PDB file of all heavy atoms in Angstrom:
ATOM      1  N   GLY A   1      16.795 -40.802  24.102  1.00  0.00           N
ATOM      2  CA  GLY A   1      16.306 -41.998  24.806  1.00  0.00           C
ATOM      3  C   GLY A   1      16.192 -43.200  23.884  1.00  0.00           C
ATOM      4  O   GLY A   1      16.559 -43.174  22.703  1.00  0.00           O
ATOM      5  N   HIS A   2      15.690 -44.327  24.422  1.00  0.00           N
ATOM      6  CA  HIS A   2      15.508 -45.534  23.710  1.00  0.00           C
ATOM      7  C   HIS A   2      14.159 -45.590  22.962  1.00  0.00           C
ATOM      8  O   HIS A   2      13.199 -44.943  23.373  1.00  0.00           O
ATOM      9  CB  HIS A   2      15.545 -46.755  24.665  1.00  0.00           C
ATOM     10  CG  HIS A   2      16.873 -46.924  25.355  1.00  0.00           C
ATOM     11  ND1 HIS A   2      17.924 -47.580  24.836  1.00  0.00           N
ATOM     12  CD2 HIS A   2      17.284 -46.499  26.601  1.00  0.00           C
ATOM     13  CE1 HIS A   2      18.946 -47.568  25.662  1.00  0.00           C
ATOM     14  NE2 HIS A   2      18.561 -46.915  26.772  1.00  0.00           N
ATOM     15  N   GLN A   3      14.135 -46.418  21.929  1.00  0.00           N
ATOM     16  CA  GLN A   3      12.835 -46.663  21.249  1.00  0.00           C
ATOM     17  C   GLN A   3      12.034 -47.583  22.162  1.00  0.00           C
ATOM     18  O   GLN A   3      12.500 -48.633  22.536  1.00  0.00           O
ATOM     19  CB  GLN A   3      13.070 -47.311  19.894  1.00  0.00           C
ATOM     20  CG  GLN A   3      13.527 -46.347  18.811  1.00  0.00           C
ATOM     21  CD  GLN A   3      12.382 -45.457  18.325  1.00  0.00           C
ATOM     22  OE1 GLN A   3      12.337 -44.285  18.673  1.00  0.00           O
ATOM     23  NE2 GLN A   3      11.443 -45.995  17.587  1.00  0.00           N
ATOM     24  N   LEU A   4      10.795 -47.261  22.422  1.00  0.00           N
ATOM     25  CA  LEU A   4       9.909 -48.083  23.239  1.00  0.00           C
ATOM     26  C   LEU A   4       8.723 -48.536  22.462  1.00  0.00           C
ATOM     27  O   LEU A   4       8.295 -47.873  21.504  1.00  0.00           O
ATOM     28  CB  LEU A   4       9.446 -47.296  24.466  1.00  0.00           C
ATOM     29  CG  LEU A   4      10.513 -46.800  25.450  1.00  0.00           C
ATOM     30  CD1 LEU A   4       9.851 -45.982  26.555  1.00  0.00           C
ATOM     31  CD2 LEU A   4      11.311 -47.963  26.041  1.00  0.00           C
ATOM     32  N   SER A   5       8.186 -49.684  22.849  1.00  0.00           N
ATOM     33  CA  SER A   5       6.923 -50.132  22.241  1.00  0.00           C
ATOM     34  C   SER A   5       5.825 -49.141  22.552  1.00  0.00           C
ATOM     35  O   SER A   5       5.912 -48.419  23.566  1.00  0.00           O
ATOM     36  CB  SER A   5       6.571 -51.533  22.767  1.00  0.00           C
ATOM     37  OG  SER A   5       6.206 -51.439  24.130  1.00  0.00           O
ATOM     38  N   PRO A   6       4.758 -49.105  21.733  1.00  0.00           N
ATOM     39  CA  PRO A   6       3.652 -48.165  22.021  1.00  0.00           C
ATOM     40  C   PRO A   6       3.083 -48.304  23.434  1.00  0.00           C
ATOM     41  O   PRO A   6       2.751 -47.337  24.083  1.00  0.00           O
ATOM     42  CB  PRO A   6       2.615 -48.506  20.928  1.00  0.00           C
ATOM     43  CG  PRO A   6       3.424 -49.099  19.820  1.00  0.00           C
ATOM     44  CD  PRO A   6       4.532 -49.819  20.487  1.00  0.00           C
ATOM     45  N   GLN A   7       2.988 -49.597  23.900  1.00  0.00           N
ATOM     46  CA  GLN A   7       2.432 -49.855  25.233  1.00  0.00           C
ATOM     47  C   GLN A   7       3.356 -49.247  26.343  1.00  0.00           C
ATOM     48  O   GLN A   7       2.871 -48.563  27.254  1.00  0.00           O
ATOM     49  CB  GLN A   7       2.253 -51.349  25.458  1.00  0.00           C
ATOM     50  CG  GLN A   7       1.255 -52.024  24.623  1.00  0.00           C
ATOM     51  CD  GLN A   7       1.842 -52.444  23.230  1.00  0.00           C
ATOM     52  OE1 GLN A   7       2.991 -52.149  22.906  1.00  0.00           O
ATOM     53  NE2 GLN A   7       1.037 -53.199  22.468  1.00  0.00           N
ATOM     54  N   LEU A   8       4.654 -49.534  26.187  1.00  0.00           N
ATOM     55  CA  LEU A   8       5.602 -49.005  27.204  1.00  0.00           C
ATOM     56  C   LEU A   8       5.660 -47.491  27.165  1.00  0.00           C
ATOM     57  O   LEU A   8       5.775 -46.835  28.192  1.00  0.00           O
ATOM     58  CB  LEU A   8       7.004 -49.595  26.982  1.00  0.00           C
ATOM     59  CG  LEU A   8       7.333 -50.931  27.634  1.00  0.00           C
ATOM     60  CD1 LEU A   8       8.773 -51.324  27.408  1.00  0.00           C
ATOM     61  CD2 LEU A   8       7.082 -50.864  29.164  1.00  0.00           C
ATOM     62  N   LYS A   9       5.604 -46.931  25.958  1.00  0.00           N
ATOM     63  CA  LYS A   9       5.641 -45.466  25.786  1.00  0.00           C
ATOM     64  C   LYS A   9       4.453 -44.844  26.522  1.00  0.00           C
ATOM     65  O   LYS A   9       4.596 -43.801  27.154  1.00  0.00           O
ATOM     66  CB  LYS A   9       5.632 -45.100  24.272  1.00  0.00           C
ATOM     67  CG  LYS A   9       5.843 -43.591  24.022  1.00  0.00           C
ATOM     68  CD  LYS A   9       7.248 -43.194  24.473  1.00  0.00           C
ATOM     69  CE  LYS A   9       7.478 -41.696  24.280  1.00  0.00           C
ATOM     70  NZ  LYS A   9       8.805 -41.265  24.754  1.00  0.00           N
ATOM     71  N   GLU A  10       3.311 -45.459  26.380  1.00  0.00           N
ATOM     72  CA  GLU A  10       2.085 -44.952  27.058  1.00  0.00           C
ATOM     73  C   GLU A  10       2.300 -44.960  28.561  1.00  0.00           C
ATOM     74  O   GLU A  10       1.915 -43.970  29.243  1.00  0.00           O
ATOM     75  CB  GLU A  10       0.912 -45.848  26.682  1.00  0.00           C
ATOM     76  CG  GLU A  10      -0.396 -45.395  27.259  1.00  0.00           C
ATOM     77  CD  GLU A  10      -1.533 -46.375  26.943  1.00  0.00           C
ATOM     78  OE1 GLU A  10      -1.434 -47.089  25.917  1.00  0.00           O
ATOM     79  OE2 GLU A  10      -2.491 -46.446  27.703  1.00  0.00           O
ATOM     80  N   PHE A  11       2.909 -46.012  29.131  1.00  0.00           N
ATOM     81  CA  PHE A  11       3.131 -46.065  30.572  1.00  0.00           C
ATOM     82  C   PHE A  11       4.227 -45.097  31.031  1.00  0.00           C
ATOM     83  O   PHE A  11       4.185 -44.580  32.111  1.00  0.00           O
ATOM     84  CB  PHE A  11       3.475 -47.531  30.979  1.00  0.00           C
ATOM     85  CG  PHE A  11       2.231 -48.355  31.216  1.00  0.00           C
ATOM     86  CD1 PHE A  11       1.534 -48.898  30.152  1.00  0.00           C
ATOM     87  CD2 PHE A  11       1.797 -48.620  32.498  1.00  0.00           C
ATOM     88  CE1 PHE A  11       0.416 -49.663  30.364  1.00  0.00           C
ATOM     89  CE2 PHE A  11       0.638 -49.341  32.740  1.00  0.00           C
ATOM     90  CZ  PHE A  11      -0.049 -49.903  31.663  1.00  0.00           C
ATOM     91  N   GLN A  12       5.230 -44.928  30.129  1.00  0.00           N
ATOM     92  CA  GLN A  12       6.290 -43.973  30.443  1.00  0.00           C
ATOM     93  C   GLN A  12       5.712 -42.550  30.560  1.00  0.00           C
ATOM     94  O   GLN A  12       6.066 -41.790  31.492  1.00  0.00           O
ATOM     95  CB  GLN A  12       7.387 -43.998  29.368  1.00  0.00           C
ATOM     96  CG  GLN A  12       8.583 -43.098  29.732  1.00  0.00           C
ATOM     97  CD  GLN A  12       9.452 -42.838  28.507  1.00  0.00           C
ATOM     98  OE1 GLN A  12       8.972 -42.307  27.518  1.00  0.00           O
ATOM     99  NE2 GLN A  12      10.724 -43.189  28.605  1.00  0.00           N
ATOM    100  N   ILE A  13       4.819 -42.182  29.643  1.00  0.00           N
ATOM    101  CA  ILE A  13       4.185 -40.859  29.696  1.00  0.00           C
ATOM    102  C   ILE A  13       3.367 -40.686  30.977  1.00  0.00           C
ATOM    103  O   ILE A  13       3.422 -39.647  31.635  1.00  0.00           O
ATOM    104  CB  ILE A  13       3.271 -40.660  28.447  1.00  0.00           C
ATOM    105  CG1 ILE A  13       4.127 -40.558  27.176  1.00  0.00           C
ATOM    106  CG2 ILE A  13       2.408 -39.423  28.587  1.00  0.00           C
ATOM    107  CD1 ILE A  13       3.341 -40.623  25.871  1.00  0.00           C
ATOM    108  N   ARG A  14       2.668 -41.750  31.348  1.00  0.00           N
ATOM    109  CA  ARG A  14       1.854 -41.675  32.584  1.00  0.00           C
ATOM    110  C   ARG A  14       2.785 -41.578  33.804  1.00  0.00           C
ATOM    111  O   ARG A  14       2.490 -40.784  34.732  1.00  0.00           O
ATOM    112  CB  ARG A  14       1.006 -42.953  32.678  1.00  0.00           C
ATOM    113  CG  ARG A  14       0.055 -42.981  33.830  1.00  0.00           C
ATOM    114  CD  ARG A  14      -0.821 -44.200  33.767  1.00  0.00           C
ATOM    115  NE  ARG A  14      -1.697 -44.306  34.935  1.00  0.00           N
ATOM    116  CZ  ARG A  14      -2.521 -45.329  35.165  1.00  0.00           C
ATOM    117  NH1 ARG A  14      -2.566 -46.316  34.304  1.00  0.00           N
ATOM    118  NH2 ARG A  14      -3.277 -45.368  36.238  1.00  0.00           N
ATOM    119  N   HIS A  15       3.889 -42.298  33.772  1.00  0.00           N
ATOM    120  CA  HIS A  15       4.843 -42.271  34.860  1.00  0.00           C
ATOM    121  C   HIS A  15       5.478 -40.881  35.005  1.00  0.00           C
ATOM    122  O   HIS A  15       5.642 -40.329  36.097  1.00  0.00           O
ATOM    123  CB  HIS A  15       5.939 -43.313  34.625  1.00  0.00           C
ATOM    124  CG  HIS A  15       6.905 -43.497  35.732  1.00  0.00           C
ATOM    125  ND1 HIS A  15       6.530 -43.753  37.053  1.00  0.00           N
ATOM    126  CD2 HIS A  15       8.286 -43.404  35.740  1.00  0.00           C
ATOM    127  CE1 HIS A  15       7.626 -43.816  37.796  1.00  0.00           C
ATOM    128  NE2 HIS A  15       8.690 -43.610  37.038  1.00  0.00           N
ATOM    129  N   LYS A  16       5.837 -40.281  33.861  1.00  0.00           N
ATOM    130  CA  LYS A  16       6.446 -38.958  33.896  1.00  0.00           C
ATOM    131  C   LYS A  16       5.470 -37.911  34.417  1.00  0.00           C
ATOM    132  O   LYS A  16       5.852 -36.972  35.137  1.00  0.00           O
ATOM    133  CB  LYS A  16       6.938 -38.555  32.485  1.00  0.00           C
ATOM    134  CG  LYS A  16       8.227 -39.251  32.069  1.00  0.00           C
ATOM    135  CD  LYS A  16       8.809 -38.667  30.782  1.00  0.00           C
ATOM    136  CE  LYS A  16      10.207 -39.207  30.549  1.00  0.00           C
ATOM    137  NZ  LYS A  16      10.905 -38.568  29.384  1.00  0.00           N
ATOM    138  N   LYS A  17       4.213 -38.054  34.077  1.00  0.00           N
ATOM    139  CA  LYS A  17       3.170 -37.134  34.555  1.00  0.00           C
ATOM    140  C   LYS A  17       3.074 -37.213  36.085  1.00  0.00           C
ATOM    141  O   LYS A  17       3.003 -36.180  36.774  1.00  0.00           O
ATOM    142  CB  LYS A  17       1.839 -37.451  33.923  1.00  0.00           C
ATOM    143  CG  LYS A  17       0.704 -36.483  34.276  1.00  0.00           C
ATOM    144  CD  LYS A  17      -0.559 -36.832  33.482  1.00  0.00           C
ATOM    145  CE  LYS A  17      -1.663 -35.831  33.788  1.00  0.00           C
ATOM    146  NZ  LYS A  17      -2.161 -35.909  35.165  1.00  0.00           N
ATOM    147  N   HIS A  18       3.121 -38.454  36.605  1.00  0.00           N
ATOM    148  CA  HIS A  18       3.047 -38.651  38.046  1.00  0.00           C
ATOM    149  C   HIS A  18       4.296 -38.027  38.738  1.00  0.00           C
ATOM    150  O   HIS A  18       4.139 -37.303  39.778  1.00  0.00           O
ATOM    151  CB  HIS A  18       2.996 -40.155  38.335  1.00  0.00           C
ATOM    152  CG  HIS A  18       3.134 -40.504  39.822  1.00  0.00           C
ATOM    153  ND1 HIS A  18       2.087 -40.385  40.716  1.00  0.00           N
ATOM    154  CD2 HIS A  18       4.202 -40.886  40.543  1.00  0.00           C
ATOM    155  CE1 HIS A  18       2.495 -40.691  41.929  1.00  0.00           C
ATOM    156  NE2 HIS A  18       3.787 -41.038  41.848  1.00  0.00           N
ATOM    157  N   LEU A  19       5.459 -38.273  38.198  1.00  0.00           N
ATOM    158  CA  LEU A  19       6.688 -37.744  38.806  1.00  0.00           C
ATOM    159  C   LEU A  19       6.730 -36.213  38.689  1.00  0.00           C
ATOM    160  O   LEU A  19       7.288 -35.542  39.586  1.00  0.00           O
ATOM    161  CB  LEU A  19       7.944 -38.353  38.135  1.00  0.00           C
ATOM    162  CG  LEU A  19       8.214 -39.821  38.492  1.00  0.00           C
ATOM    163  CD1 LEU A  19       9.428 -40.302  37.715  1.00  0.00           C
ATOM    164  CD2 LEU A  19       8.417 -40.044  39.985  1.00  0.00           C
ATOM    165  N   HIS A  20       6.214 -35.687  37.612  1.00  0.00           N
ATOM    166  CA  HIS A  20       6.182 -34.211  37.449  1.00  0.00           C
ATOM    167  C   HIS A  20       5.359 -33.566  38.567  1.00  0.00           C
ATOM    168  O   HIS A  20       5.770 -32.554  39.142  1.00  0.00           O
ATOM    169  CB  HIS A  20       5.593 -33.853  36.081  1.00  0.00           C
ATOM    170  CG  HIS A  20       5.439 -32.375  35.865  1.00  0.00           C
ATOM    171  ND1 HIS A  20       6.544 -31.565  35.670  1.00  0.00           N
ATOM    172  CD2 HIS A  20       4.356 -31.563  35.879  1.00  0.00           C
ATOM    173  CE1 HIS A  20       6.158 -30.315  35.534  1.00  0.00           C
ATOM    174  NE2 HIS A  20       4.827 -30.263  35.643  1.00  0.00           N
ATOM    175  N   GLU A  21       4.247 -34.167  38.881  1.00  0.00           N
ATOM    176  CA  GLU A  21       3.364 -33.636  39.981  1.00  0.00           C
ATOM    177  C   GLU A  21       4.129 -33.729  41.303  1.00  0.00           C
ATOM    178  O   GLU A  21       3.898 -32.861  42.175  1.00  0.00           O
ATOM    179  CB  GLU A  21       2.089 -34.449  40.016  1.00  0.00           C
ATOM    180  CG  GLU A  21       1.167 -34.173  38.817  1.00  0.00           C
ATOM    181  CD  GLU A  21       0.020 -35.179  38.707  1.00  0.00           C
ATOM    182  OE1 GLU A  21      -0.074 -36.071  39.571  1.00  0.00           O
ATOM    183  OE2 GLU A  21      -0.819 -35.011  37.787  1.00  0.00           O
ATOM    184  N   ARG A  22       4.957 -34.742  41.468  1.00  0.00           N
ATOM    185  CA  ARG A  22       5.665 -34.894  42.742  1.00  0.00           C
ATOM    186  C   ARG A  22       6.909 -33.957  42.873  1.00  0.00           C
ATOM    187  O   ARG A  22       7.328 -33.667  43.968  1.00  0.00           O
ATOM    188  CB  ARG A  22       6.180 -36.326  42.899  1.00  0.00           C
ATOM    189  CG  ARG A  22       5.088 -37.352  43.296  1.00  0.00           C
ATOM    190  CD  ARG A  22       5.737 -38.671  43.571  1.00  0.00           C
ATOM    191  NE  ARG A  22       6.687 -38.645  44.682  1.00  0.00           N
ATOM    192  CZ  ARG A  22       7.512 -39.632  44.967  1.00  0.00           C
ATOM    193  NH1 ARG A  22       7.540 -40.704  44.283  1.00  0.00           N
ATOM    194  NH2 ARG A  22       8.360 -39.488  45.974  1.00  0.00           N
ATOM    195  N   THR A  23       7.440 -33.537  41.759  1.00  0.00           N
ATOM    196  CA  THR A  23       8.739 -32.823  41.816  1.00  0.00           C
ATOM    197  C   THR A  23       8.668 -31.388  41.277  1.00  0.00           C
ATOM    198  O   THR A  23       9.694 -30.686  41.355  1.00  0.00           O
ATOM    199  CB  THR A  23       9.811 -33.589  40.986  1.00  0.00           C
ATOM    200  OG1 THR A  23       9.371 -33.667  39.636  1.00  0.00           O
ATOM    201  CG2 THR A  23       9.995 -34.958  41.556  1.00  0.00           C
ATOM    202  N   GLU A  24       7.525 -30.936  40.782  1.00  0.00           N
ATOM    203  CA  GLU A  24       7.499 -29.616  40.164  1.00  0.00           C
ATOM    204  C   GLU A  24       7.651 -28.489  41.189  1.00  0.00           C
ATOM    205  O   GLU A  24       8.068 -27.362  40.852  1.00  0.00           O
ATOM    206  CB  GLU A  24       6.214 -29.400  39.354  1.00  0.00           C
ATOM    207  CG  GLU A  24       4.940 -29.386  40.219  1.00  0.00           C
ATOM    208  CD  GLU A  24       3.695 -29.152  39.364  1.00  0.00           C
ATOM    209  OE1 GLU A  24       3.827 -28.448  38.332  1.00  0.00           O
ATOM    210  OE2 GLU A  24       2.612 -29.613  39.747  1.00  0.00           O
ATOM    211  N   LYS A  25       7.324 -28.761  42.452  1.00  0.00           N
ATOM    212  CA  LYS A  25       7.428 -27.708  43.517  1.00  0.00           C
ATOM    213  C   LYS A  25       8.590 -27.989  44.421  1.00  0.00           C
ATOM    214  O   LYS A  25       8.896 -29.144  44.769  1.00  0.00           O
ATOM    215  CB  LYS A  25       6.133 -27.675  44.332  1.00  0.00           C
ATOM    216  CG  LYS A  25       4.859 -27.303  43.551  1.00  0.00           C
ATOM    217  CD  LYS A  25       4.890 -25.805  43.199  1.00  0.00           C
ATOM    218  CE  LYS A  25       3.558 -25.421  42.570  1.00  0.00           C
ATOM    219  NZ  LYS A  25       3.508 -24.001  42.201  1.00  0.00           N
ATOM    220  N   LEU A  26       9.294 -26.904  44.771  1.00  0.00           N
ATOM    221  CA  LEU A  26      10.441 -27.012  45.693  1.00  0.00           C
ATOM    222  C   LEU A  26       9.959 -26.538  47.075  1.00  0.00           C
ATOM    223  O   LEU A  26       9.533 -25.410  47.207  1.00  0.00           O
ATOM    224  CB  LEU A  26      11.570 -26.151  45.180  1.00  0.00           C
ATOM    225  CG  LEU A  26      12.908 -26.172  45.954  1.00  0.00           C
ATOM    226  CD1 LEU A  26      13.448 -27.602  46.004  1.00  0.00           C
ATOM    227  CD2 LEU A  26      13.911 -25.252  45.328  1.00  0.00           C
ATOM    228  N   LEU A  27      10.024 -27.408  48.054  1.00  0.00           N
ATOM    229  CA  LEU A  27       9.591 -27.058  49.399  1.00  0.00           C
ATOM    230  C   LEU A  27      10.657 -26.280  50.115  1.00  0.00           C
ATOM    231  O   LEU A  27      11.832 -26.710  50.176  1.00  0.00           O
ATOM    232  CB  LEU A  27       9.260 -28.342  50.197  1.00  0.00           C
ATOM    233  CG  LEU A  27       8.627 -28.149  51.580  1.00  0.00           C
ATOM    234  CD1 LEU A  27       7.201 -27.553  51.461  1.00  0.00           C
ATOM    235  CD2 LEU A  27       8.580 -29.456  52.331  1.00  0.00           C
ATOM    236  N   GLU A  28      10.310 -25.122  50.663  1.00  0.00           N
ATOM    237  CA  GLU A  28      11.286 -24.317  51.405  1.00  0.00           C
ATOM    238  C   GLU A  28      11.163 -24.665  52.893  1.00  0.00           C
ATOM    239  O   GLU A  28      10.167 -24.384  53.535  1.00  0.00           O
ATOM    240  CB  GLU A  28      11.008 -22.826  51.193  1.00  0.00           C
ATOM    241  CG  GLU A  28      12.070 -21.939  51.842  1.00  0.00           C
ATOM    242  CD  GLU A  28      11.808 -20.447  51.595  1.00  0.00           C
ATOM    243  OE1 GLU A  28      10.963 -19.898  52.247  1.00  0.00           O
ATOM    244  OE2 GLU A  28      12.461 -19.909  50.667  1.00  0.00           O
ATOM    245  N   ASN A  29      12.170 -25.314  53.439  1.00  0.00           N
ATOM    246  CA  ASN A  29      12.169 -25.713  54.839  1.00  0.00           C
ATOM    247  C   ASN A  29      12.483 -24.513  55.723  1.00  0.00           C
ATOM    248  O   ASN A  29      13.409 -23.758  55.447  1.00  0.00           O
ATOM    249  CB  ASN A  29      13.171 -26.837  55.096  1.00  0.00           C
ATOM    250  CG  ASN A  29      12.809 -28.091  54.379  1.00  0.00           C
ATOM    251  OD1 ASN A  29      11.694 -28.529  54.482  1.00  0.00           O
ATOM    252  ND2 ASN A  29      13.761 -28.671  53.644  1.00  0.00           N
ATOM    253  N   LYS A  30      11.705 -24.385  56.779  1.00  0.00           N
ATOM    254  CA  LYS A  30      11.938 -23.289  57.725  1.00  0.00           C
ATOM    255  C   LYS A  30      12.821 -23.748  58.878  1.00  0.00           C
ATOM    256  O   LYS A  30      12.819 -24.928  59.261  1.00  0.00           O
ATOM    257  CB  LYS A  30      10.608 -22.791  58.275  1.00  0.00           C
ATOM    258  CG  LYS A  30       9.634 -22.247  57.204  1.00  0.00           C
ATOM    259  CD  LYS A  30      10.211 -21.019  56.492  1.00  0.00           C
ATOM    260  CE  LYS A  30       9.278 -20.523  55.420  1.00  0.00           C
ATOM    261  NZ  LYS A  30       9.827 -19.413  54.671  1.00  0.00           N
TER     262      LYS A  30
END
């Protein structure tokens, strides 16, 4: 990846945490 400023890196980590919660489970459609 790219080098990010400390501020942007902090927001990237927060963003990844949010997306992880949204995508970690696979919904099985019936």
